[in-house]
N, C-alpha and C. Protein backbone atom coordinates (compact mmCIF):
# COMPACT_ATOMS: atom_id res chain seq x y z
N MET A 1 6.17 22.00 -5.52
CA MET A 1 7.33 22.40 -4.62
C MET A 1 7.28 21.21 -4.37
N VAL A 2 9.17 21.06 -4.05
CA VAL A 2 9.52 19.52 -3.79
C VAL A 2 9.37 19.82 -2.35
N LYS A 3 9.22 18.50 -2.08
CA LYS A 3 8.66 17.69 -0.67
C LYS A 3 9.59 16.99 -0.07
N ASN A 4 9.62 16.66 1.29
CA ASN A 4 10.42 15.99 2.04
C ASN A 4 10.07 14.55 1.89
N ILE A 5 11.15 13.37 1.81
CA ILE A 5 10.28 12.18 1.38
C ILE A 5 10.23 11.60 3.03
N ILE A 6 9.15 10.49 2.93
CA ILE A 6 8.46 9.88 4.57
C ILE A 6 9.69 8.78 3.91
N HIS A 7 10.15 8.45 5.30
CA HIS A 7 10.76 7.24 5.96
C HIS A 7 9.92 6.32 6.74
N ASP A 8 9.08 6.89 7.65
CA ASP A 8 8.26 6.26 8.26
C ASP A 8 7.67 5.17 8.25
N PRO A 9 8.11 3.74 8.42
CA PRO A 9 7.17 2.73 8.05
C PRO A 9 5.69 2.74 8.67
N MET A 10 5.68 3.01 9.47
CA MET A 10 4.09 2.95 10.19
C MET A 10 3.35 3.88 8.92
N PHE A 11 3.62 5.40 8.68
CA PHE A 11 2.99 6.18 8.30
C PHE A 11 2.53 5.43 6.74
N LEU A 12 3.83 5.06 6.24
CA LEU A 12 4.05 4.15 4.86
C LEU A 12 2.91 3.01 4.68
N ALA A 13 2.83 2.26 5.74
CA ALA A 13 1.92 1.08 5.89
C ALA A 13 0.25 1.48 6.13
N GLN A 14 -0.02 2.75 6.12
CA GLN A 14 -1.66 2.88 5.84
C GLN A 14 -2.25 3.19 4.52
N LYS A 15 -3.40 2.73 4.84
CA LYS A 15 -4.08 2.82 3.15
C LYS A 15 -4.36 4.43 2.97
N SER A 16 -4.01 4.71 1.91
CA SER A 16 -4.15 6.28 1.24
C SER A 16 -5.75 6.38 0.72
N GLU A 17 -6.39 7.50 1.05
CA GLU A 17 -7.71 7.86 0.95
C GLU A 17 -7.48 8.15 -0.92
N LYS A 18 -9.06 8.01 -1.56
CA LYS A 18 -9.29 8.79 -2.61
C LYS A 18 -9.23 10.01 -3.04
N ALA A 19 -8.68 10.46 -3.79
CA ALA A 19 -7.81 11.78 -4.62
C ALA A 19 -9.22 12.32 -5.15
N THR A 20 -9.48 13.78 -4.65
CA THR A 20 -10.28 14.45 -5.37
C THR A 20 -9.83 15.94 -6.71
N ALA A 21 -10.50 16.50 -6.93
CA ALA A 21 -9.81 17.54 -7.59
C ALA A 21 -9.42 19.04 -6.59
N ALA A 22 -9.60 18.39 -5.32
CA ALA A 22 -9.26 19.46 -4.44
C ALA A 22 -7.09 18.77 -3.78
N ASP A 23 -7.16 17.88 -4.84
CA ASP A 23 -5.56 16.95 -4.31
C ASP A 23 -4.78 17.51 -5.61
N LEU A 24 -5.58 18.21 -6.47
CA LEU A 24 -3.91 18.12 -7.55
C LEU A 24 -2.96 19.06 -7.33
N GLN A 25 -3.14 19.78 -6.43
CA GLN A 25 -1.70 20.29 -6.15
C GLN A 25 -0.68 19.75 -5.25
N THR A 26 -1.43 18.76 -4.77
CA THR A 26 -0.82 17.18 -4.27
C THR A 26 0.19 16.75 -4.90
N ALA A 27 -0.62 16.49 -6.23
CA ALA A 27 -0.16 15.86 -7.39
C ALA A 27 0.98 16.64 -8.09
N LYS A 28 0.75 18.01 -8.15
CA LYS A 28 1.85 19.00 -8.71
C LYS A 28 3.30 18.56 -7.98
N ASP A 29 2.95 18.92 -6.44
CA ASP A 29 4.41 18.74 -5.70
C ASP A 29 4.47 17.13 -5.79
N LEU A 30 3.69 16.15 -6.30
CA LEU A 30 4.63 14.57 -6.17
C LEU A 30 5.30 15.02 -7.57
N LEU A 31 5.24 15.57 -8.03
CA LEU A 31 5.58 15.43 -9.76
C LEU A 31 7.09 16.45 -9.55
N ASP A 32 6.74 17.66 -8.68
CA ASP A 32 8.11 18.24 -8.46
C ASP A 32 9.15 17.29 -7.76
N THR A 33 8.66 16.65 -7.05
CA THR A 33 9.48 15.91 -6.29
C THR A 33 10.07 14.75 -6.71
N VAL A 34 9.21 14.44 -7.82
CA VAL A 34 9.88 13.09 -8.55
C VAL A 34 10.93 13.51 -9.69
N GLU A 35 10.93 14.85 -10.43
CA GLU A 35 11.43 15.05 -10.66
C GLU A 35 12.70 15.57 -9.87
N ALA A 36 13.32 16.22 -8.82
CA ALA A 36 14.14 16.47 -7.73
C ALA A 36 14.85 15.18 -7.49
N ASN A 37 14.29 14.25 -7.50
CA ASN A 37 14.90 12.93 -7.15
C ASN A 37 15.15 11.99 -8.63
N LYS A 38 15.10 12.28 -9.67
CA LYS A 38 15.10 11.55 -10.61
C LYS A 38 16.23 10.55 -10.94
N THR A 39 17.67 10.88 -10.18
CA THR A 39 18.56 9.73 -10.00
C THR A 39 18.65 8.82 -9.63
N ALA A 40 17.80 9.07 -8.25
CA ALA A 40 17.59 8.02 -7.40
C ALA A 40 15.85 7.24 -7.49
N CYS A 41 14.94 7.85 -7.93
CA CYS A 41 13.91 6.76 -8.05
C CYS A 41 13.14 7.37 -9.53
N VAL A 42 12.18 6.64 -9.90
CA VAL A 42 11.30 6.23 -10.96
C VAL A 42 10.07 6.65 -11.31
N GLY A 43 9.52 6.67 -9.96
CA GLY A 43 8.14 6.59 -9.12
C GLY A 43 7.94 6.63 -7.90
N MET A 44 6.84 7.57 -7.75
CA MET A 44 6.62 8.10 -6.21
C MET A 44 5.05 7.89 -6.05
N ALA A 45 4.44 7.66 -5.04
CA ALA A 45 3.31 7.83 -4.17
C ALA A 45 3.38 9.40 -3.59
N ALA A 46 1.80 9.29 -3.47
CA ALA A 46 1.47 10.73 -2.42
C ALA A 46 2.19 10.82 -1.05
N ASN A 47 1.78 9.32 -0.45
CA ASN A 47 2.35 8.72 0.74
C ASN A 47 3.63 9.31 0.67
N MET A 48 4.84 8.85 -0.08
CA MET A 48 6.06 8.71 0.38
C MET A 48 6.56 10.34 0.49
N ILE A 49 5.53 11.76 0.04
CA ILE A 49 5.51 13.03 0.88
C ILE A 49 4.58 13.74 1.93
N GLY A 50 4.15 12.42 2.32
CA GLY A 50 3.39 12.74 3.58
C GLY A 50 2.06 12.92 3.59
N VAL A 51 1.61 12.81 2.47
CA VAL A 51 0.03 12.80 2.14
C VAL A 51 -0.70 11.25 1.70
N LYS A 52 -1.94 11.20 2.41
CA LYS A 52 -2.58 9.81 2.49
C LYS A 52 -3.17 9.97 1.25
N LYS A 53 -3.17 10.40 0.27
CA LYS A 53 -4.30 10.10 -1.16
C LYS A 53 -3.58 9.27 -2.39
N ARG A 54 -4.47 8.99 -2.79
CA ARG A 54 -4.38 7.68 -4.34
C ARG A 54 -3.70 8.49 -5.07
N ILE A 55 -2.29 9.07 -5.35
CA ILE A 55 -1.68 9.54 -6.46
C ILE A 55 -0.41 8.92 -6.48
N ILE A 56 -0.16 8.93 -7.88
CA ILE A 56 1.16 8.39 -8.42
C ILE A 56 1.62 9.02 -9.58
N VAL A 57 3.14 9.37 -9.37
CA VAL A 57 3.77 9.75 -10.47
C VAL A 57 4.88 8.99 -11.01
N PHE A 58 4.87 8.45 -12.52
CA PHE A 58 6.04 7.67 -12.86
C PHE A 58 6.66 7.91 -13.94
N ASP A 59 7.93 7.44 -14.17
CA ASP A 59 8.98 7.54 -15.39
C ASP A 59 7.85 6.80 -16.40
N ASN A 60 7.47 7.43 -17.30
CA ASN A 60 6.88 6.81 -18.59
C ASN A 60 7.45 6.85 -20.30
N ASN A 61 8.54 5.87 -19.97
CA ASN A 61 9.26 5.78 -21.44
C ASN A 61 9.75 7.03 -21.44
N GLY A 62 10.39 8.24 -20.38
CA GLY A 62 10.89 9.42 -20.21
C GLY A 62 10.04 10.38 -20.25
N LYS A 63 8.77 10.41 -20.15
CA LYS A 63 8.10 11.13 -19.70
C LYS A 63 7.34 11.05 -18.35
N TYR A 64 6.68 11.69 -17.54
CA TYR A 64 6.43 11.80 -16.41
C TYR A 64 4.76 11.91 -16.42
N THR A 65 4.22 10.87 -15.99
CA THR A 65 2.89 10.56 -16.30
C THR A 65 2.36 10.45 -14.65
N VAL A 66 0.88 11.29 -14.16
CA VAL A 66 0.47 11.33 -13.02
C VAL A 66 -0.84 10.42 -13.10
N MET A 67 -0.91 9.59 -11.72
CA MET A 67 -2.21 8.89 -11.92
C MET A 67 -2.69 9.34 -10.65
N LEU A 68 -4.35 9.87 -10.71
CA LEU A 68 -5.13 9.51 -9.56
C LEU A 68 -6.26 8.42 -9.59
N ASN A 69 -6.21 8.12 -8.06
CA ASN A 69 -6.83 6.86 -8.22
C ASN A 69 -6.85 5.83 -8.74
N PRO A 70 -5.63 5.48 -9.15
CA PRO A 70 -5.16 4.42 -10.28
C PRO A 70 -5.70 3.16 -10.03
N GLU A 71 -6.09 2.02 -10.14
CA GLU A 71 -6.47 0.38 -9.94
C GLU A 71 -6.01 -0.18 -11.18
N ILE A 72 -5.12 -1.35 -10.57
CA ILE A 72 -4.99 -2.33 -11.61
C ILE A 72 -6.08 -3.29 -11.54
N ILE A 73 -6.58 -3.34 -12.65
CA ILE A 73 -8.01 -3.99 -13.47
C ILE A 73 -7.70 -5.64 -14.12
N LYS A 74 -6.38 -5.35 -14.67
CA LYS A 74 -6.31 -7.02 -14.98
C LYS A 74 -4.68 -6.81 -15.18
N LYS A 75 -4.37 -8.29 -14.87
CA LYS A 75 -2.43 -8.22 -15.17
C LYS A 75 -2.47 -9.68 -15.43
N SER A 76 -1.05 -10.02 -16.15
CA SER A 76 -0.89 -11.51 -16.28
C SER A 76 0.59 -11.62 -16.89
N GLY A 77 0.95 -12.40 -16.95
CA GLY A 77 2.53 -12.49 -16.95
C GLY A 77 3.32 -12.24 -15.62
N GLU A 78 2.94 -12.85 -14.46
CA GLU A 78 3.81 -13.07 -13.41
C GLU A 78 5.09 -13.59 -13.27
N TYR A 79 6.07 -12.65 -12.53
CA TYR A 79 7.11 -12.81 -12.49
C TYR A 79 7.93 -12.40 -11.10
N GLU A 80 8.92 -13.13 -10.58
CA GLU A 80 9.38 -12.35 -9.32
C GLU A 80 10.92 -11.44 -9.64
N THR A 81 10.73 -10.63 -8.54
CA THR A 81 12.15 -9.45 -9.47
C THR A 81 12.55 -8.86 -7.81
N GLU A 82 13.25 -7.91 -7.82
CA GLU A 82 13.73 -7.55 -6.46
C GLU A 82 13.82 -6.11 -6.60
N GLU A 83 13.49 -5.03 -5.55
CA GLU A 83 12.97 -3.55 -5.92
C GLU A 83 13.66 -3.21 -4.73
N GLY A 84 14.28 -1.37 -5.15
CA GLY A 84 14.08 -0.68 -4.00
C GLY A 84 13.50 0.14 -3.64
N CYS A 85 13.35 1.23 -3.16
CA CYS A 85 12.40 2.27 -2.42
C CYS A 85 12.99 3.25 -1.98
N LEU A 86 12.59 4.44 -2.55
CA LEU A 86 13.36 5.67 -1.85
C LEU A 86 13.11 6.13 -0.53
N SER A 87 12.13 5.38 -0.10
CA SER A 87 11.46 5.93 0.95
C SER A 87 11.80 4.21 2.29
N LEU A 88 12.37 3.20 1.65
CA LEU A 88 13.30 2.20 2.51
C LEU A 88 14.32 1.90 2.09
N ALA A 89 15.00 1.56 3.32
CA ALA A 89 16.55 1.16 2.77
C ALA A 89 16.87 -0.38 2.49
N GLY A 90 17.33 -0.62 1.50
CA GLY A 90 17.42 -2.22 1.21
C GLY A 90 16.63 -2.12 -0.24
N THR A 91 16.53 -3.53 -0.69
CA THR A 91 15.76 -4.07 -1.76
C THR A 91 14.85 -5.38 -0.74
N ARG A 92 13.78 -5.62 -1.86
CA ARG A 92 13.01 -6.64 -1.36
C ARG A 92 12.43 -7.27 -2.88
N LYS A 93 11.98 -8.76 -2.59
CA LYS A 93 11.71 -9.29 -3.57
C LYS A 93 10.17 -9.65 -3.51
N THR A 94 9.93 -9.21 -4.66
CA THR A 94 8.13 -9.20 -5.15
C THR A 94 7.86 -10.15 -6.01
N LYS A 95 6.58 -10.20 -6.23
CA LYS A 95 5.78 -10.84 -7.44
C LYS A 95 5.44 -9.60 -8.27
N ARG A 96 5.59 -9.23 -9.65
CA ARG A 96 4.96 -8.47 -10.26
C ARG A 96 4.22 -8.93 -11.76
N PHE A 97 4.10 -8.68 -12.39
CA PHE A 97 3.38 -8.95 -13.79
C PHE A 97 3.60 -7.90 -14.88
N GLN A 98 3.96 -8.58 -16.19
CA GLN A 98 4.57 -7.79 -17.12
C GLN A 98 3.79 -7.25 -17.49
N LEU A 99 2.28 -7.76 -17.86
CA LEU A 99 1.45 -6.52 -18.19
C LEU A 99 -0.09 -6.18 -17.50
N ILE A 100 -0.07 -4.92 -17.47
CA ILE A 100 -1.41 -4.73 -16.46
C ILE A 100 -2.00 -3.74 -17.36
N THR A 101 -3.56 -3.58 -16.91
CA THR A 101 -4.65 -2.71 -17.26
C THR A 101 -4.84 -1.65 -16.31
N VAL A 102 -4.30 -0.65 -16.24
CA VAL A 102 -4.97 0.43 -15.16
C VAL A 102 -5.94 1.38 -15.57
N ALA A 103 -6.80 1.63 -14.65
CA ALA A 103 -7.90 2.32 -14.50
C ALA A 103 -7.36 3.89 -13.32
N TYR A 104 -7.59 4.98 -14.19
CA TYR A 104 -7.57 5.88 -13.45
C TYR A 104 -8.07 7.30 -13.83
N GLN A 105 -7.46 8.30 -13.11
CA GLN A 105 -8.17 9.50 -13.61
C GLN A 105 -6.66 10.66 -13.84
N ASP A 106 -6.98 11.63 -15.09
CA ASP A 106 -5.68 12.12 -14.92
C ASP A 106 -5.88 13.57 -14.70
N MET A 107 -4.90 14.10 -14.61
CA MET A 107 -4.77 15.83 -13.84
C MET A 107 -5.99 16.92 -14.21
N ASP A 108 -6.79 16.28 -15.25
CA ASP A 108 -8.42 16.72 -15.60
C ASP A 108 -9.42 16.35 -15.32
N MET A 109 -8.95 15.06 -14.23
CA MET A 109 -10.09 14.40 -13.26
C MET A 109 -10.74 13.57 -14.33
N LYS A 110 -10.34 13.36 -15.81
CA LYS A 110 -11.02 12.72 -16.69
C LYS A 110 -10.79 11.12 -16.19
N LYS A 111 -11.66 10.34 -16.57
CA LYS A 111 -11.75 8.75 -16.46
C LYS A 111 -10.72 7.92 -17.49
N LYS A 112 -10.05 7.21 -17.08
CA LYS A 112 -8.83 6.58 -18.65
C LYS A 112 -8.53 5.05 -18.12
N THR A 113 -8.13 3.84 -19.23
CA THR A 113 -8.37 3.16 -18.67
C THR A 113 -7.12 3.01 -20.03
N GLU A 114 -5.91 2.46 -19.31
CA GLU A 114 -4.83 2.02 -20.24
C GLU A 114 -4.26 0.51 -19.98
N ASN A 115 -3.26 0.37 -21.19
CA ASN A 115 -2.35 -0.74 -20.55
C ASN A 115 -0.96 -0.54 -20.93
N PHE A 116 -0.28 -1.20 -19.72
CA PHE A 116 1.26 -1.05 -19.69
C PHE A 116 1.96 -2.36 -19.57
N PHE A 117 3.48 -2.42 -19.83
CA PHE A 117 3.84 -3.81 -20.22
C PHE A 117 5.21 -3.42 -19.36
N GLY A 118 6.34 -4.13 -19.08
CA GLY A 118 7.49 -4.10 -18.85
C GLY A 118 7.49 -3.41 -17.80
N TRP A 119 8.84 -2.75 -17.98
CA TRP A 119 9.32 -1.74 -16.55
C TRP A 119 8.32 -0.98 -16.33
N THR A 120 7.62 -0.55 -17.03
CA THR A 120 7.25 0.95 -16.46
C THR A 120 5.66 0.02 -15.78
N ALA A 121 5.45 -1.32 -16.22
CA ALA A 121 3.92 -1.52 -15.48
C ALA A 121 4.70 -2.25 -14.45
N GLN A 122 5.83 -2.38 -14.29
CA GLN A 122 6.68 -2.65 -12.51
C GLN A 122 7.02 -1.52 -11.65
N ILE A 123 7.16 -0.40 -12.65
CA ILE A 123 7.20 1.23 -11.83
C ILE A 123 5.72 1.26 -11.14
N ILE A 124 4.57 1.21 -11.81
CA ILE A 124 2.89 1.47 -11.71
C ILE A 124 2.53 0.52 -10.49
N GLN A 125 3.11 -0.62 -10.63
CA GLN A 125 2.42 -1.80 -9.32
C GLN A 125 3.17 -1.58 -8.22
N HIS A 126 4.52 -1.07 -8.20
CA HIS A 126 5.41 -0.86 -6.95
C HIS A 126 4.57 0.72 -6.46
N GLU A 127 4.16 1.53 -7.11
CA GLU A 127 3.53 2.57 -6.31
C GLU A 127 2.14 3.05 -5.72
N VAL A 128 1.51 1.63 -6.84
CA VAL A 128 -0.23 1.14 -6.41
C VAL A 128 0.14 0.41 -5.26
N ASP A 129 0.95 -0.63 -4.90
CA ASP A 129 1.22 -0.98 -3.76
C ASP A 129 1.35 0.27 -2.62
N HIS A 130 2.12 1.12 -2.86
CA HIS A 130 1.89 2.52 -1.66
C HIS A 130 1.13 2.64 -1.23
N CYS A 131 -0.06 2.96 -2.42
CA CYS A 131 -1.12 3.40 -1.86
C CYS A 131 -2.31 2.12 -1.53
N GLY A 132 -1.80 1.22 -1.43
CA GLY A 132 -2.52 0.44 -0.70
C GLY A 132 -1.93 0.17 0.65
N GLY A 133 -0.79 0.75 0.84
CA GLY A 133 0.04 0.53 2.37
C GLY A 133 0.89 -0.74 2.46
N VAL A 134 1.34 -0.74 0.96
CA VAL A 134 2.06 -2.26 1.32
C VAL A 134 3.61 -2.00 1.16
N LEU A 135 4.34 -2.47 1.96
CA LEU A 135 5.69 -1.88 1.85
C LEU A 135 6.45 -3.04 1.09
N ILE A 136 7.47 -2.46 -0.11
CA ILE A 136 7.98 -3.30 -0.69
C ILE A 136 9.37 -2.99 -0.11
């Protein structure tokens, strides 16, 4: 189900809690919501739809990927960039990494570890920041 986007910086600044199998409907709602907003964004975190759980969805080279409990466990190639956010007005400068390794759970709650680079890595870093209450 497509959900409304949260714009309250006080809510968005709160850290999200670990997701469990009981949160899979939230993951589906997040996927529906990012698809409904695909002209305005390339990724979303669950707190953007009002749920403080560590769940993200992002465009992975034309196909959406859902991650539960994503953690960036390795990063390299730091650079500075400017990003916008569907939840917040304007753009902000931030530091990102060209190559990241992410440990997460998929929609079957299976643990995975995967490498990402470039634009996809940047999207993931932005959404993982959301999970940590970091506003970009």
